[in-house]
PDB file of all heavy atoms in Angstrom:
ATOM      1  N   ARG A   1       5.142 -17.063  22.382  1.00  0.00           N
ATOM      2  CA  ARG A   1       5.972 -16.917  21.295  1.00  0.00           C
ATOM      3  C   ARG A   1       6.234 -15.349  21.100  1.00  0.00           C
ATOM      4  O   ARG A   1       5.404 -14.591  21.268  1.00  0.00           O
ATOM      5  CB  ARG A   1       5.295 -17.394  19.995  1.00  0.00           C
ATOM      6  CG  ARG A   1       5.119 -18.921  20.050  1.00  0.00           C
ATOM      7  CD  ARG A   1       4.738 -19.446  18.641  1.00  0.00           C
ATOM      8  NE  ARG A   1       3.643 -20.295  18.749  1.00  0.00           N
ATOM      9  CZ  ARG A   1       2.901 -20.584  17.754  1.00  0.00           C
ATOM     10  NH1 ARG A   1       2.973 -20.102  16.593  1.00  0.00           N
ATOM     11  NH2 ARG A   1       1.840 -21.453  17.804  1.00  0.00           N
ATOM     12  N   PRO A   2       7.325 -15.020  20.500  1.00  0.00           N
ATOM     13  CA  PRO A   2       7.659 -13.605  20.318  1.00  0.00           C
ATOM     14  C   PRO A   2       6.765 -13.115  19.157  1.00  0.00           C
ATOM     15  O   PRO A   2       6.455 -13.876  18.241  1.00  0.00           O
ATOM     16  CB  PRO A   2       9.117 -13.608  19.911  1.00  0.00           C
ATOM     17  CG  PRO A   2       9.508 -14.991  19.535  1.00  0.00           C
ATOM     18  CD  PRO A   2       8.563 -15.864  20.186  1.00  0.00           C
ATOM     19  N   PHE A   3       6.492 -11.915  19.166  1.00  0.00           N
ATOM     20  CA  PHE A   3       5.657 -11.223  18.126  1.00  0.00           C
ATOM     21  C   PHE A   3       6.466 -11.006  16.830  1.00  0.00           C
ATOM     22  O   PHE A   3       7.614 -10.454  16.972  1.00  0.00           O
ATOM     23  CB  PHE A   3       5.115  -9.864  18.621  1.00  0.00           C
ATOM     24  CG  PHE A   3       4.422  -9.170  17.611  1.00  0.00           C
ATOM     25  CD1 PHE A   3       3.144  -9.607  16.977  1.00  0.00           C
ATOM     26  CD2 PHE A   3       4.811  -7.852  17.074  1.00  0.00           C
ATOM     27  CE1 PHE A   3       2.535  -8.838  15.962  1.00  0.00           C
ATOM     28  CE2 PHE A   3       4.191  -7.151  16.199  1.00  0.00           C
ATOM     29  CZ  PHE A   3       2.993  -7.648  15.627  1.00  0.00           C
ATOM     30  N   ARG A   4       5.975 -11.363  15.711  1.00  0.00           N
ATOM     31  CA  ARG A   4       6.596 -11.112  14.446  1.00  0.00           C
ATOM     32  C   ARG A   4       5.668 -10.217  13.619  1.00  0.00           C
ATOM     33  O   ARG A   4       4.625 -10.706  13.205  1.00  0.00           O
ATOM     34  CB  ARG A   4       6.903 -12.399  13.593  1.00  0.00           C
ATOM     35  CG  ARG A   4       8.044 -13.135  14.414  1.00  0.00           C
ATOM     36  CD  ARG A   4       8.609 -14.271  13.522  1.00  0.00           C
ATOM     37  NE  ARG A   4       9.296 -15.206  14.289  1.00  0.00           N
ATOM     38  CZ  ARG A   4       9.375 -16.500  14.122  1.00  0.00           C
ATOM     39  NH1 ARG A   4       8.727 -16.995  13.235  1.00  0.00           N
ATOM     40  NH2 ARG A   4      10.165 -17.388  14.977  1.00  0.00           N
ATOM     41  N   TYR A   5       6.158  -9.091  13.195  1.00  0.00           N
ATOM     42  CA  TYR A   5       5.363  -8.187  12.268  1.00  0.00           C
ATOM     43  C   TYR A   5       5.426  -8.432  10.878  1.00  0.00           C
ATOM     44  O   TYR A   5       6.520  -8.676  10.333  1.00  0.00           O
ATOM     45  CB  TYR A   5       5.644  -6.756  12.636  1.00  0.00           C
ATOM     46  CG  TYR A   5       4.978  -5.753  11.785  1.00  0.00           C
ATOM     47  CD1 TYR A   5       3.611  -5.547  11.774  1.00  0.00           C
ATOM     48  CD2 TYR A   5       5.685  -4.996  10.755  1.00  0.00           C
ATOM     49  CE1 TYR A   5       3.011  -4.668  10.998  1.00  0.00           C
ATOM     50  CE2 TYR A   5       5.073  -4.072   9.956  1.00  0.00           C
ATOM     51  CZ  TYR A   5       3.750  -3.937  10.017  1.00  0.00           C
ATOM     52  OH  TYR A   5       3.145  -3.041   9.226  1.00  0.00           O
ATOM     53  N   LEU A   6       4.282  -8.653  10.127  1.00  0.00           N
ATOM     54  CA  LEU A   6       4.280  -8.889   8.842  1.00  0.00           C
ATOM     55  C   LEU A   6       3.903  -7.623   8.043  1.00  0.00           C
ATOM     56  O   LEU A   6       2.720  -7.242   8.201  1.00  0.00           O
ATOM     57  CB  LEU A   6       3.446 -10.015   8.401  1.00  0.00           C
ATOM     58  CG  LEU A   6       3.046 -10.354   6.935  1.00  0.00           C
ATOM     59  CD1 LEU A   6       4.354 -10.736   6.262  1.00  0.00           C
ATOM     60  CD2 LEU A   6       2.082 -11.323   6.794  1.00  0.00           C
ATOM     61  N   ASP A   7       4.725  -6.903   7.426  1.00  0.00           N
ATOM     62  CA  ASP A   7       4.461  -5.697   6.707  1.00  0.00           C
ATOM     63  C   ASP A   7       3.601  -6.070   5.415  1.00  0.00           C
ATOM     64  O   ASP A   7       3.846  -6.885   4.641  1.00  0.00           O
ATOM     65  CB  ASP A   7       5.775  -5.003   6.248  1.00  0.00           C
ATOM     66  CG  ASP A   7       5.467  -3.749   5.442  1.00  0.00           C
ATOM     67  OD1 ASP A   7       4.402  -3.219   5.492  1.00  0.00           O
ATOM     68  OD2 ASP A   7       6.390  -3.238   4.884  1.00  0.00           O
ATOM     69  N   ARG A   8       2.438  -5.389   5.453  1.00  0.00           N
ATOM     70  CA  ARG A   8       1.494  -5.682   4.269  1.00  0.00           C
ATOM     71  C   ARG A   8       1.372  -4.560   3.387  1.00  0.00           C
ATOM     72  O   ARG A   8       0.632  -4.544   2.399  1.00  0.00           O
ATOM     73  CB  ARG A   8       0.061  -5.875   4.914  1.00  0.00           C
ATOM     74  CG  ARG A   8      -0.010  -7.230   5.674  1.00  0.00           C
ATOM     75  CD  ARG A   8      -1.394  -7.523   6.203  1.00  0.00           C
ATOM     76  NE  ARG A   8      -1.412  -8.768   6.861  1.00  0.00           N
ATOM     77  CZ  ARG A   8      -2.341  -9.190   7.609  1.00  0.00           C
ATOM     78  NH1 ARG A   8      -3.425  -8.499   7.803  1.00  0.00           N
ATOM     79  NH2 ARG A   8      -2.268 -10.258   8.214  1.00  0.00           N
ATOM     80  N   GLY A   9       2.294  -3.512   3.578  1.00  0.00           N
ATOM     81  CA  GLY A   9       2.340  -2.342   2.684  1.00  0.00           C
ATOM     82  C   GLY A   9       1.528  -1.142   3.152  1.00  0.00           C
ATOM     83  O   GLY A   9       1.040  -1.205   4.258  1.00  0.00           O
ATOM     84  N   THR A  10       1.451  -0.083   2.454  1.00  0.00           N
ATOM     85  CA  THR A  10       0.843   1.116   2.755  1.00  0.00           C
ATOM     86  C   THR A  10      -0.073   1.415   1.541  1.00  0.00           C
ATOM     87  O   THR A  10       0.269   1.500   0.472  1.00  0.00           O
ATOM     88  CB  THR A  10       1.895   2.133   3.022  1.00  0.00           C
ATOM     89  OG1 THR A  10       2.883   1.674   3.972  1.00  0.00           O
ATOM     90  CG2 THR A  10       1.347   3.465   3.527  1.00  0.00           C
ATOM     91  N   MET A  11      -1.220   2.028   2.027  1.00  0.00           N
ATOM     92  CA  MET A  11      -2.220   2.512   1.147  1.00  0.00           C
ATOM     93  C   MET A  11      -2.679   3.915   1.600  1.00  0.00           C
ATOM     94  O   MET A  11      -2.971   4.171   2.806  1.00  0.00           O
ATOM     95  CB  MET A  11      -3.419   1.594   1.018  1.00  0.00           C
ATOM     96  CG  MET A  11      -3.114   0.131   0.678  1.00  0.00           C
ATOM     97  SD  MET A  11      -4.653  -0.751   0.616  1.00  0.00           S
ATOM     98  CE  MET A  11      -4.727  -1.025  -1.140  1.00  0.00           C
ATOM     99  N   ALA A  12      -3.027   4.786   0.605  1.00  0.00           N
ATOM    100  CA  ALA A  12      -3.530   6.149   0.914  1.00  0.00           C
ATOM    101  C   ALA A  12      -4.399   6.574  -0.215  1.00  0.00           C
ATOM    102  O   ALA A  12      -3.957   6.445  -1.460  1.00  0.00           O
ATOM    103  CB  ALA A  12      -2.405   7.104   1.179  1.00  0.00           C
ATOM    104  N   THR A  13      -5.575   7.191  -0.056  1.00  0.00           N
ATOM    105  CA  THR A  13      -6.378   7.819  -1.002  1.00  0.00           C
ATOM    106  C   THR A  13      -5.867   9.202  -1.177  1.00  0.00           C
ATOM    107  O   THR A  13      -5.526   9.925  -0.197  1.00  0.00           O
ATOM    108  CB  THR A  13      -7.818   7.765  -0.740  1.00  0.00           C
ATOM    109  OG1 THR A  13      -8.093   8.378   0.392  1.00  0.00           O
ATOM    110  CG2 THR A  13      -8.417   6.393  -0.754  1.00  0.00           C
ATOM    111  N   VAL A  14      -5.796   9.645  -2.496  1.00  0.00           N
ATOM    112  CA  VAL A  14      -5.556  11.002  -2.767  1.00  0.00           C
ATOM    113  C   VAL A  14      -6.633  11.791  -3.093  1.00  0.00           C
ATOM    114  O   VAL A  14      -6.594  13.023  -2.804  1.00  0.00           O
ATOM    115  CB  VAL A  14      -4.383  10.980  -3.926  1.00  0.00           C
ATOM    116  CG1 VAL A  14      -3.939  12.370  -4.288  1.00  0.00           C
ATOM    117  CG2 VAL A  14      -3.248  10.151  -3.573  1.00  0.00           C
ATOM    118  N   GLY A  15      -7.586  11.288  -3.643  1.00  0.00           N
ATOM    119  CA  GLY A  15      -8.767  11.956  -4.049  1.00  0.00           C
ATOM    120  C   GLY A  15      -9.813  11.074  -4.672  1.00  0.00           C
ATOM    121  O   GLY A  15      -9.683   9.868  -4.673  1.00  0.00           O
ATOM    122  N   ARG A  16     -10.825  11.517  -5.305  1.00  0.00           N
ATOM    123  CA  ARG A  16     -11.763  10.710  -5.991  1.00  0.00           C
ATOM    124  C   ARG A  16     -11.220  10.003  -7.127  1.00  0.00           C
ATOM    125  O   ARG A  16     -10.819  10.641  -8.135  1.00  0.00           O
ATOM    126  CB  ARG A  16     -12.964  11.521  -6.424  1.00  0.00           C
ATOM    127  CG  ARG A  16     -14.162  10.901  -6.908  1.00  0.00           C
ATOM    128  CD  ARG A  16     -15.241  11.723  -7.263  1.00  0.00           C
ATOM    129  NE  ARG A  16     -15.778  12.663  -6.180  1.00  0.00           N
ATOM    130  CZ  ARG A  16     -16.772  12.432  -5.327  1.00  0.00           C
ATOM    131  NH1 ARG A  16     -17.459  11.248  -5.505  1.00  0.00           N
ATOM    132  NH2 ARG A  16     -17.117  13.235  -4.519  1.00  0.00           N
ATOM    133  N   GLY A  17     -11.070   8.617  -6.956  1.00  0.00           N
ATOM    134  CA  GLY A  17     -10.502   7.922  -8.063  1.00  0.00           C
ATOM    135  C   GLY A  17      -8.906   7.857  -8.165  1.00  0.00           C
ATOM    136  O   GLY A  17      -8.568   7.452  -9.243  1.00  0.00           O
ATOM    137  N   ALA A  18      -8.382   8.288  -7.092  1.00  0.00           N
ATOM    138  CA  ALA A  18      -6.819   8.319  -7.050  1.00  0.00           C
ATOM    139  C   ALA A  18      -6.320   7.917  -5.734  1.00  0.00           C
ATOM    140  O   ALA A  18      -6.914   8.197  -4.708  1.00  0.00           O
ATOM    141  CB  ALA A  18      -6.273   9.648  -7.501  1.00  0.00           C
ATOM    142  N   ALA A  19      -5.340   6.918  -5.814  1.00  0.00           N
ATOM    143  CA  ALA A  19      -4.676   6.550  -4.543  1.00  0.00           C
ATOM    144  C   ALA A  19      -3.272   6.145  -4.786  1.00  0.00           C
ATOM    145  O   ALA A  19      -2.886   6.067  -5.943  1.00  0.00           O
ATOM    146  CB  ALA A  19      -5.424   5.398  -4.005  1.00  0.00           C
ATOM    147  N   VAL A  20      -2.567   5.819  -3.753  1.00  0.00           N
ATOM    148  CA  VAL A  20      -1.040   5.390  -3.840  1.00  0.00           C
ATOM    149  C   VAL A  20      -1.016   4.123  -3.063  1.00  0.00           C
ATOM    150  O   VAL A  20      -1.473   4.075  -1.927  1.00  0.00           O
ATOM    151  CB  VAL A  20      -0.095   6.313  -3.299  1.00  0.00           C
ATOM    152  CG1 VAL A  20       1.126   5.723  -3.448  1.00  0.00           C
ATOM    153  CG2 VAL A  20      -0.137   7.648  -4.251  1.00  0.00           C
ATOM    154  N   VAL A  21      -0.496   3.053  -3.650  1.00  0.00           N
ATOM    155  CA  VAL A  21      -0.260   1.808  -2.814  1.00  0.00           C
ATOM    156  C   VAL A  21       1.076   1.344  -2.912  1.00  0.00           C
ATOM    157  O   VAL A  21       1.686   1.261  -4.154  1.00  0.00           O
ATOM    158  CB  VAL A  21      -1.253   0.679  -3.517  1.00  0.00           C
ATOM    159  CG1 VAL A  21      -1.004  -0.702  -2.774  1.00  0.00           C
ATOM    160  CG2 VAL A  21      -2.704   0.994  -3.384  1.00  0.00           C
ATOM    161  N   GLU A  22       1.760   1.235  -1.779  1.00  0.00           N
ATOM    162  CA  GLU A  22       3.158   0.665  -1.791  1.00  0.00           C
ATOM    163  C   GLU A  22       3.076  -0.735  -1.140  1.00  0.00           C
ATOM    164  O   GLU A  22       2.809  -0.852  -0.066  1.00  0.00           O
ATOM    165  CB  GLU A  22       4.028   1.558  -0.960  1.00  0.00           C
ATOM    166  CG  GLU A  22       4.215   3.015  -1.495  1.00  0.00           C
ATOM    167  CD  GLU A  22       5.155   3.920  -0.737  1.00  0.00           C
ATOM    168  OE1 GLU A  22       5.510   3.360   0.360  1.00  0.00           O
ATOM    169  OE2 GLU A  22       5.374   4.935  -1.163  1.00  0.00           O
ATOM    170  N   LEU A  23       3.433  -1.624  -1.938  1.00  0.00           N
ATOM    171  CA  LEU A  23       3.401  -3.089  -1.617  1.00  0.00           C
ATOM    172  C   LEU A  23       4.761  -3.350  -0.861  1.00  0.00           C
ATOM    173  O   LEU A  23       5.800  -2.742  -1.089  1.00  0.00           O
ATOM    174  CB  LEU A  23       3.161  -4.027  -2.846  1.00  0.00           C
ATOM    175  CG  LEU A  23       1.897  -3.705  -3.573  1.00  0.00           C
ATOM    176  CD1 LEU A  23       1.664  -4.382  -4.844  1.00  0.00           C
ATOM    177  CD2 LEU A  23       0.675  -4.118  -2.626  1.00  0.00           C
ATOM    178  N   PRO A  24       4.793  -4.306   0.051  1.00  0.00           N
ATOM    179  CA  PRO A  24       5.890  -4.611   0.864  1.00  0.00           C
ATOM    180  C   PRO A  24       7.143  -5.056   0.008  1.00  0.00           C
ATOM    181  O   PRO A  24       8.311  -4.937   0.529  1.00  0.00           O
ATOM    182  CB  PRO A  24       5.389  -5.722   1.792  1.00  0.00           C
ATOM    183  CG  PRO A  24       4.321  -6.270   1.250  1.00  0.00           C
ATOM    184  CD  PRO A  24       3.654  -5.189   0.303  1.00  0.00           C
ATOM    185  N   TRP A  25       6.974  -5.598  -1.187  1.00  0.00           N
ATOM    186  CA  TRP A  25       8.105  -6.117  -1.926  1.00  0.00           C
ATOM    187  C   TRP A  25       8.704  -5.016  -2.898  1.00  0.00           C
ATOM    188  O   TRP A  25       9.475  -5.255  -3.698  1.00  0.00           O
ATOM    189  CB  TRP A  25       7.807  -7.408  -2.787  1.00  0.00           C
ATOM    190  CG  TRP A  25       6.572  -7.274  -3.569  1.00  0.00           C
ATOM    191  CD1 TRP A  25       6.575  -6.901  -4.904  1.00  0.00           C
ATOM    192  CD2 TRP A  25       5.345  -7.702  -3.236  1.00  0.00           C
ATOM    193  NE1 TRP A  25       5.236  -7.019  -5.247  1.00  0.00           N
ATOM    194  CE2 TRP A  25       4.466  -7.502  -4.346  1.00  0.00           C
ATOM    195  CE3 TRP A  25       4.697  -8.276  -2.070  1.00  0.00           C
ATOM    196  CZ2 TRP A  25       3.122  -7.694  -4.276  1.00  0.00           C
ATOM    197  CZ3 TRP A  25       3.391  -8.484  -2.058  1.00  0.00           C
ATOM    198  CH2 TRP A  25       2.574  -8.257  -3.150  1.00  0.00           C
ATOM    199  N   GLY A  26       8.200  -3.725  -2.701  1.00  0.00           N
ATOM    200  CA  GLY A  26       8.721  -2.710  -3.531  1.00  0.00           C
ATOM    201  C   GLY A  26       7.851  -2.073  -4.622  1.00  0.00           C
ATOM    202  O   GLY A  26       8.127  -1.046  -5.113  1.00  0.00           O
ATOM    203  N   MET A  27       6.840  -2.774  -5.007  1.00  0.00           N
ATOM    204  CA  MET A  27       6.039  -2.318  -6.124  1.00  0.00           C
ATOM    205  C   MET A  27       5.089  -1.279  -5.698  1.00  0.00           C
ATOM    206  O   MET A  27       4.599  -1.301  -4.562  1.00  0.00           O
ATOM    207  CB  MET A  27       5.208  -3.475  -6.663  1.00  0.00           C
ATOM    208  CG  MET A  27       4.488  -3.256  -7.940  1.00  0.00           C
ATOM    209  SD  MET A  27       3.582  -4.778  -8.427  1.00  0.00           S
ATOM    210  CE  MET A  27       2.391  -4.044  -9.607  1.00  0.00           C
ATOM    211  N   THR A  28       4.910  -0.223  -6.463  1.00  0.00           N
ATOM    212  CA  THR A  28       4.051   0.828  -6.262  1.00  0.00           C
ATOM    213  C   THR A  28       2.981   0.967  -7.346  1.00  0.00           C
ATOM    214  O   THR A  28       3.214   1.029  -8.467  1.00  0.00           O
ATOM    215  CB  THR A  28       4.814   2.205  -6.193  1.00  0.00           C
ATOM    216  OG1 THR A  28       5.773   2.061  -5.120  1.00  0.00           O
ATOM    217  CG2 THR A  28       3.891   3.358  -5.830  1.00  0.00           C
ATOM    218  N   LEU A  29       1.679   1.238  -6.881  1.00  0.00           N
ATOM    219  CA  LEU A  29       0.544   1.405  -7.778  1.00  0.00           C
ATOM    220  C   LEU A  29       0.132   2.659  -7.472  1.00  0.00           C
ATOM    221  O   LEU A  29       0.033   3.258  -6.319  1.00  0.00           O
ATOM    222  CB  LEU A  29      -0.538   0.445  -7.475  1.00  0.00           C
ATOM    223  CG  LEU A  29      -0.382  -1.065  -7.768  1.00  0.00           C
ATOM    224  CD1 LEU A  29      -1.520  -1.816  -7.193  1.00  0.00           C
ATOM    225  CD2 LEU A  29      -0.029  -1.402  -9.071  1.00  0.00           C
ATOM    226  N   THR A  30      -0.341   3.464  -8.551  1.00  0.00           N
ATOM    227  CA  THR A  30      -0.960   4.878  -8.434  1.00  0.00           C
ATOM    228  C   THR A  30      -2.144   4.923  -9.319  1.00  0.00           C
ATOM    229  O   THR A  30      -2.328   4.150 -10.213  1.00  0.00           O
ATOM    230  CB  THR A  30       0.000   5.961  -8.781  1.00  0.00           C
ATOM    231  OG1 THR A  30       0.502   5.685 -10.196  1.00  0.00           O
ATOM    232  CG2 THR A  30       1.310   6.016  -7.965  1.00  0.00           C
ATOM    233  N   GLY A  31      -3.031   5.966  -9.052  1.00  0.00           N
ATOM    234  CA  GLY A  31      -4.095   6.239  -9.821  1.00  0.00           C
ATOM    235  C   GLY A  31      -5.338   5.396  -9.636  1.00  0.00           C
ATOM    236  O   GLY A  31      -5.639   5.020  -8.399  1.00  0.00           O
ATOM    237  N   PHE A  32      -6.123   5.131 -10.579  1.00  0.00           N
ATOM    238  CA  PHE A  32      -7.422   4.525 -10.469  1.00  0.00           C
ATOM    239  C   PHE A  32      -7.222   3.062 -10.024  1.00  0.00           C
ATOM    240  O   PHE A  32      -8.066   2.651  -9.109  1.00  0.00           O
ATOM    241  CB  PHE A  32      -8.174   4.518 -11.788  1.00  0.00           C
ATOM    242  CG  PHE A  32      -9.585   3.994 -11.700  1.00  0.00           C
ATOM    243  CD1 PHE A  32     -10.559   4.787 -11.049  1.00  0.00           C
ATOM    244  CD2 PHE A  32      -9.908   2.826 -12.244  1.00  0.00           C
ATOM    245  CE1 PHE A  32     -11.894   4.338 -10.984  1.00  0.00           C
ATOM    246  CE2 PHE A  32     -11.235   2.347 -12.125  1.00  0.00           C
ATOM    247  CZ  PHE A  32     -12.143   3.121 -11.604  1.00  0.00           C
ATOM    248  N   LEU A  33      -6.249   2.299 -10.561  1.00  0.00           N
ATOM    249  CA  LEU A  33      -6.090   0.887 -10.118  1.00  0.00           C
ATOM    250  C   LEU A  33      -5.763   0.793  -8.568  1.00  0.00           C
ATOM    251  O   LEU A  33      -6.216   0.012  -7.861  1.00  0.00           O
ATOM    252  CB  LEU A  33      -5.016   0.210 -10.934  1.00  0.00           C
ATOM    253  CG  LEU A  33      -4.625  -1.202 -10.572  1.00  0.00           C
ATOM    254  CD1 LEU A  33      -5.940  -2.098 -10.764  1.00  0.00           C
ATOM    255  CD2 LEU A  33      -3.521  -1.687 -11.429  1.00  0.00           C
ATOM    256  N   ALA A  34      -4.876   1.884  -8.150  1.00  0.00           N
ATOM    257  CA  ALA A  34      -4.495   1.819  -6.644  1.00  0.00           C
ATOM    258  C   ALA A  34      -5.852   2.229  -5.835  1.00  0.00           C
ATOM    259  O   ALA A  34      -6.049   1.613  -4.773  1.00  0.00           O
ATOM    260  CB  ALA A  34      -3.454   2.834  -6.417  1.00  0.00           C
TER     261      ALA A  34
END
């Protein structure tokens, strides 16, 4: 079967207690929750 990529989003820590999360449907979380 051909390979199909499923985008699960992007995550990165910025520092202690801070991060950025970009979800595949366009929502972005920042800060402590991320």
